[in-house]
Amino acid sequence: MIIKEIQEFQAIHYDLLLSADPDKQLVEDYIKRSVCFDAMFDGSPVGILALLPTRPETLEIVNIAVSETYQGQGIGEKLLQFALSYAKNSQYKTVEIGTGSTSFGQLYLYQKCGFRMTSIDRDFFIRHYEEEIVENKLILKDMVRLSMDV
C-alpha cells in the first residue's frame, strides 16, 4: 500500500469522502482548504485522508475513510499513523479528529491509536446536516472531539 498526496480528485475519491461524510457541500468546502492523501492498493485508491490546518500548530483530520471492501485490514490505522507523522514533520503540535457519538468502530480505532476525548459538540449533526443520519440503529446527534499531541 502506498499513501500519496492527491493531485486531481476523481469520482472514487468523492465516493470515499462521502462514505465518511454524507454532505457533499461540506466535503467540497473543506477539501478546498485541506491537503488530501489516498491509500493506493494495486493502483487503485482504497482509502482517503483529508488534513486541515485549523489553528496555529493544530491540524485536524476532517475526513478519513476506507473502502468497505478493504476495511478491517489496518488501512485506517496506517492512514492515522501517516497523519500523525505528517503533522509532526510539518511542525504541528496537536492533531484533532471528530466523529459521531454513534461511530463505535471509529471511536475504538482513534483511542487505540492514542487519541483522547476532549469534548462533545452536542447536536452538531442536527445543526449541520439537513438529513437525519442513522448509524448503528441510533440517530446521530453529537460529535465527539478527540485530540493527540505529536
C-alpha atoms as a PDB file:
ATOM      1  CA  MET A   1       0.000   0.000   0.000  1.00  0.00           C
ATOM      2  CA  ILE A   2       1.231   3.463  -0.925  1.00  0.00           C
ATOM      3  CA  ILE A   3      -0.028   6.724   0.600  1.00  0.00           C
ATOM      4  CA  LYS A   4       0.387   9.739  -1.658  1.00  0.00           C
ATOM      5  CA  GLU A   5      -0.944  13.272  -1.978  1.00  0.00           C
ATOM      6  CA  ILE A   6      -3.932  13.614  -4.291  1.00  0.00           C
ATOM      7  CA  GLN A   7      -3.186  15.917  -7.220  1.00  0.00           C
ATOM      8  CA  GLU A   8      -6.503  15.563  -9.015  1.00  0.00           C
ATOM      9  CA  PHE A   9      -9.731  14.308  -7.462  1.00  0.00           C
ATOM     10  CA  GLN A  10     -11.543  11.506  -9.231  1.00  0.00           C
ATOM     11  CA  ALA A  11     -15.017  10.058  -8.683  1.00  0.00           C
ATOM     12  CA  ILE A  12     -13.594   7.305  -6.449  1.00  0.00           C
ATOM     13  CA  HIS A  13     -12.121   9.958  -4.137  1.00  0.00           C
ATOM     14  CA  TYR A  14     -15.526  11.608  -3.747  1.00  0.00           C
ATOM     15  CA  ASP A  15     -17.142   8.215  -3.148  1.00  0.00           C
ATOM     16  CA  LEU A  16     -14.685   7.571  -0.312  1.00  0.00           C
ATOM     17  CA  LEU A  17     -15.100  11.063   1.176  1.00  0.00           C
ATOM     18  CA  LEU A  18     -18.885  10.820   1.051  1.00  0.00           C
ATOM     19  CA  SER A  19     -18.832   7.400   2.715  1.00  0.00           C
ATOM     20  CA  ALA A  20     -17.492   9.156   5.824  1.00  0.00           C
ATOM     21  CA  ASP A  21     -19.357  12.454   5.431  1.00  0.00           C
ATOM     22  CA  PRO A  22     -22.673  12.405   3.535  1.00  0.00           C
ATOM     23  CA  ASP A  23     -22.901  16.170   2.941  1.00  0.00           C
ATOM     24  CA  LYS A  24     -21.360  16.856  -0.472  1.00  0.00           C
ATOM     25  CA  GLN A  25     -21.288  20.640   0.018  1.00  0.00           C
ATOM     26  CA  LEU A  26     -19.449  20.369   3.353  1.00  0.00           C
ATOM     27  CA  VAL A  27     -16.966  17.922   1.797  1.00  0.00           C
ATOM     28  CA  GLU A  28     -16.310  20.233  -1.143  1.00  0.00           C
ATOM     29  CA  ASP A  29     -15.841  23.193   1.211  1.00  0.00           C
ATOM     30  CA  TYR A  30     -13.225  21.575   3.415  1.00  0.00           C
ATOM     31  CA  ILE A  31     -11.249  19.706   0.769  1.00  0.00           C
ATOM     32  CA  LYS A  32     -10.524  23.047  -0.940  1.00  0.00           C
ATOM     33  CA  ARG A  33      -8.653  24.076   2.220  1.00  0.00           C
ATOM     34  CA  SER A  34      -7.143  20.673   3.012  1.00  0.00           C
ATOM     35  CA  VAL A  35      -4.212  18.586   1.939  1.00  0.00           C
ATOM     36  CA  CYS A  36      -5.566  15.193   0.871  1.00  0.00           C
ATOM     37  CA  PHE A  37      -3.932  11.803   0.515  1.00  0.00           C
ATOM     38  CA  ASP A  38      -5.070   8.495  -0.830  1.00  0.00           C
ATOM     39  CA  ALA A  39      -4.061   4.991   0.133  1.00  0.00           C
ATOM     40  CA  MET A  40      -3.340   3.091  -3.067  1.00  0.00           C
ATOM     41  CA  PHE A  41      -3.527  -0.683  -3.350  1.00  0.00           C
ATOM     42  CA  ASP A  42      -2.824  -2.380  -6.681  1.00  0.00           C
ATOM     43  CA  GLY A  43      -3.055   1.010  -8.407  1.00  0.00           C
ATOM     44  CA  SER A  44      -6.497   1.910  -7.037  1.00  0.00           C
ATOM     45  CA  PRO A  45      -7.464   4.261  -4.201  1.00  0.00           C
ATOM     46  CA  VAL A  46      -8.822   2.241  -1.263  1.00  0.00           C
ATOM     47  CA  GLY A  47      -8.602   4.934   1.420  1.00  0.00           C
ATOM     48  CA  ILE A  48      -8.554   8.695   1.786  1.00  0.00           C
ATOM     49  CA  LEU A  49      -7.334  11.237   4.328  1.00  0.00           C
ATOM     50  CA  ALA A  50      -8.058  14.978   4.443  1.00  0.00           C
ATOM     51  CA  LEU A  51      -5.996  17.194   6.765  1.00  0.00           C
ATOM     52  CA  LEU A  52      -6.961  20.784   7.525  1.00  0.00           C
ATOM     53  CA  PRO A  53      -4.906  23.334   9.480  1.00  0.00           C
ATOM     54  CA  THR A  54      -7.424  24.845  11.917  1.00  0.00           C
ATOM     55  CA  ARG A  55      -5.372  26.916  14.377  1.00  0.00           C
ATOM     56  CA  PRO A  56      -1.690  27.688  14.808  1.00  0.00           C
ATOM     57  CA  GLU A  57       0.096  24.399  15.451  1.00  0.00           C
ATOM     58  CA  THR A  58      -3.139  22.358  15.095  1.00  0.00           C
ATOM     59  CA  LEU A  59      -4.058  20.031  12.268  1.00  0.00           C
ATOM     60  CA  GLU A  60      -7.481  18.401  12.036  1.00  0.00           C
ATOM     61  CA  ILE A  61      -8.299  15.134  10.319  1.00  0.00           C
ATOM     62  CA  VAL A  62     -11.524  16.284   8.684  1.00  0.00           C
ATOM     63  CA  ASN A  63     -12.123  13.091   6.726  1.00  0.00           C
ATOM     64  CA  ILE A  64     -10.719   9.594   6.810  1.00  0.00           C
ATOM     65  CA  ALA A  65     -12.339   6.694   5.008  1.00  0.00           C
ATOM     66  CA  VAL A  66     -11.518   3.226   3.752  1.00  0.00           C
ATOM     67  CA  SER A  67     -13.406   1.393   1.028  1.00  0.00           C
ATOM     68  CA  GLU A  68     -15.816  -1.101   2.560  1.00  0.00           C
ATOM     69  CA  THR A  69     -14.066  -3.943   0.711  1.00  0.00           C
ATOM     70  CA  TYR A  70     -10.754  -3.105   2.427  1.00  0.00           C
ATOM     71  CA  GLN A  71     -11.993  -2.316   5.935  1.00  0.00           C
ATOM     72  CA  GLY A  72     -10.592  -4.380   8.785  1.00  0.00           C
ATOM     73  CA  GLN A  73      -7.171  -4.703   7.133  1.00  0.00           C
ATOM     74  CA  GLY A  74      -5.339  -1.971   9.060  1.00  0.00           C
ATOM     75  CA  ILE A  75      -5.565   0.681   6.341  1.00  0.00           C
ATOM     76  CA  GLY A  76      -7.402   3.175   8.565  1.00  0.00           C
ATOM     77  CA  GLU A  77      -4.770   2.765  11.265  1.00  0.00           C
ATOM     78  CA  LYS A  78      -1.988   3.286   8.688  1.00  0.00           C
ATOM     79  CA  LEU A  79      -3.717   6.451   7.467  1.00  0.00           C
ATOM     80  CA  LEU A  80      -3.954   7.722  11.052  1.00  0.00           C
ATOM     81  CA  GLN A  81      -0.266   6.993  11.668  1.00  0.00           C
ATOM     82  CA  PHE A  82       0.558   8.759   8.403  1.00  0.00           C
ATOM     83  CA  ALA A  83      -1.444  11.812   9.540  1.00  0.00           C
ATOM     84  CA  LEU A  84       0.433  11.903  12.856  1.00  0.00           C
ATOM     85  CA  SER A  85       3.818  11.658  11.099  1.00  0.00           C
ATOM     86  CA  TYR A  86       2.812  14.316   8.580  1.00  0.00           C
ATOM     87  CA  ALA A  87       1.742  16.637  11.406  1.00  0.00           C
ATOM     88  CA  LYS A  88       4.956  16.143  13.360  1.00  0.00           C
ATOM     89  CA  ASN A  89       7.151  16.609  10.273  1.00  0.00           C
ATOM     90  CA  SER A  90       5.186  19.763   9.381  1.00  0.00           C
ATOM     91  CA  GLN A  91       5.762  21.259  12.863  1.00  0.00           C
ATOM     92  CA  TYR A  92       2.197  20.866  14.137  1.00  0.00           C
ATOM     93  CA  LYS A  93       1.838  20.200  17.866  1.00  0.00           C
ATOM     94  CA  THR A  94      -1.711  18.803  18.029  1.00  0.00           C
ATOM     95  CA  VAL A  95      -3.845  16.615  15.790  1.00  0.00           C
ATOM     96  CA  GLU A  96      -7.607  16.690  16.252  1.00  0.00           C
ATOM     97  CA  ILE A  97     -10.383  14.497  14.901  1.00  0.00           C
ATOM     98  CA  GLY A  98     -14.147  14.464  15.339  1.00  0.00           C
ATOM     99  CA  THR A  99     -16.566  11.622  14.860  1.00  0.00           C
ATOM    100  CA  GLY A 100     -20.150  10.734  15.573  1.00  0.00           C
ATOM    101  CA  SER A 101     -21.102   9.600  19.048  1.00  0.00           C
ATOM    102  CA  THR A 102     -22.634   6.519  17.389  1.00  0.00           C
ATOM    103  CA  SER A 103     -19.458   5.713  15.414  1.00  0.00           C
ATOM    104  CA  PHE A 104     -18.331   2.963  17.761  1.00  0.00           C
ATOM    105  CA  GLY A 105     -15.708   1.431  15.454  1.00  0.00           C
ATOM    106  CA  GLN A 106     -14.104   4.784  14.728  1.00  0.00           C
ATOM    107  CA  LEU A 107     -14.078   5.768  18.412  1.00  0.00           C
ATOM    108  CA  TYR A 108     -12.336   2.497  19.234  1.00  0.00           C
ATOM    109  CA  LEU A 109      -9.747   2.956  16.457  1.00  0.00           C
ATOM    110  CA  TYR A 110      -8.934   6.557  17.353  1.00  0.00           C
ATOM    111  CA  GLN A 111      -8.448   5.725  21.024  1.00  0.00           C
ATOM    112  CA  LYS A 112      -6.424   2.618  20.116  1.00  0.00           C
ATOM    113  CA  CYS A 113      -4.099   4.942  18.169  1.00  0.00           C
ATOM    114  CA  GLY A 114      -3.683   7.245  21.179  1.00  0.00           C
ATOM    115  CA  PHE A 115      -6.303   9.941  20.668  1.00  0.00           C
ATOM    116  CA  ARG A 116      -8.069  11.140  23.814  1.00  0.00           C
ATOM    117  CA  MET A 117     -11.574  12.571  24.052  1.00  0.00           C
ATOM    118  CA  THR A 118     -11.567  16.307  24.594  1.00  0.00           C
ATOM    119  CA  SER A 119     -15.180  17.430  24.174  1.00  0.00           C
ATOM    120  CA  ILE A 120     -18.642  16.713  22.855  1.00  0.00           C
ATOM    121  CA  ASP A 121     -20.284  19.070  20.387  1.00  0.00           C
ATOM    122  CA  ARG A 122     -23.923  18.476  21.284  1.00  0.00           C
ATOM    123  CA  ASP A 123     -26.396  18.404  18.364  1.00  0.00           C
ATOM    124  CA  PHE A 124     -23.600  19.013  15.815  1.00  0.00           C
ATOM    125  CA  PHE A 125     -25.153  16.675  13.253  1.00  0.00           C
ATOM    126  CA  ILE A 126     -28.621  18.147  13.778  1.00  0.00           C
ATOM    127  CA  ARG A 127     -27.311  21.707  13.244  1.00  0.00           C
ATOM    128  CA  HIS A 128     -25.063  20.976  10.245  1.00  0.00           C
ATOM    129  CA  TYR A 129     -26.847  18.253   8.279  1.00  0.00           C
ATOM    130  CA  GLU A 130     -30.246  18.601   6.673  1.00  0.00           C
ATOM    131  CA  GLU A 131     -30.964  14.878   6.563  1.00  0.00           C
ATOM    132  CA  GLU A 132     -31.126  12.703   9.641  1.00  0.00           C
ATOM    133  CA  ILE A 133     -28.186  10.293   9.946  1.00  0.00           C
ATOM    134  CA  VAL A 134     -28.791   6.860  11.450  1.00  0.00           C
ATOM    135  CA  GLU A 135     -25.766   4.825  12.453  1.00  0.00           C
ATOM    136  CA  ASN A 136     -25.719   1.585  14.419  1.00  0.00           C
ATOM    137  CA  LYS A 137     -29.526   1.897  14.668  1.00  0.00           C
ATOM    138  CA  LEU A 138     -29.194   5.217  16.534  1.00  0.00           C
ATOM    139  CA  ILE A 139     -29.956   8.754  15.368  1.00  0.00           C
ATOM    140  CA  LEU A 140     -26.657  10.602  15.196  1.00  0.00           C
ATOM    141  CA  LYS A 141     -26.785  13.884  17.074  1.00  0.00           C
ATOM    142  CA  ASP A 142     -23.470  14.622  18.788  1.00  0.00           C
ATOM    143  CA  MET A 143     -19.876  14.887  17.604  1.00  0.00           C
ATOM    144  CA  VAL A 144     -17.152  13.535  19.866  1.00  0.00           C
ATOM    145  CA  ARG A 145     -13.913  15.529  19.550  1.00  0.00           C
ATOM    146  CA  LEU A 146     -10.593  13.800  20.191  1.00  0.00           C
ATOM    147  CA  SER A 147      -7.004  15.032  20.040  1.00  0.00           C
ATOM    148  CA  MET A 148      -3.398  13.981  20.438  1.00  0.00           C
ATOM    149  CA  ASP A 149      -0.207  15.925  20.918  1.00  0.00           C
ATOM    150  CA  VAL A 150       2.556  14.915  18.477  1.00  0.00           C
END
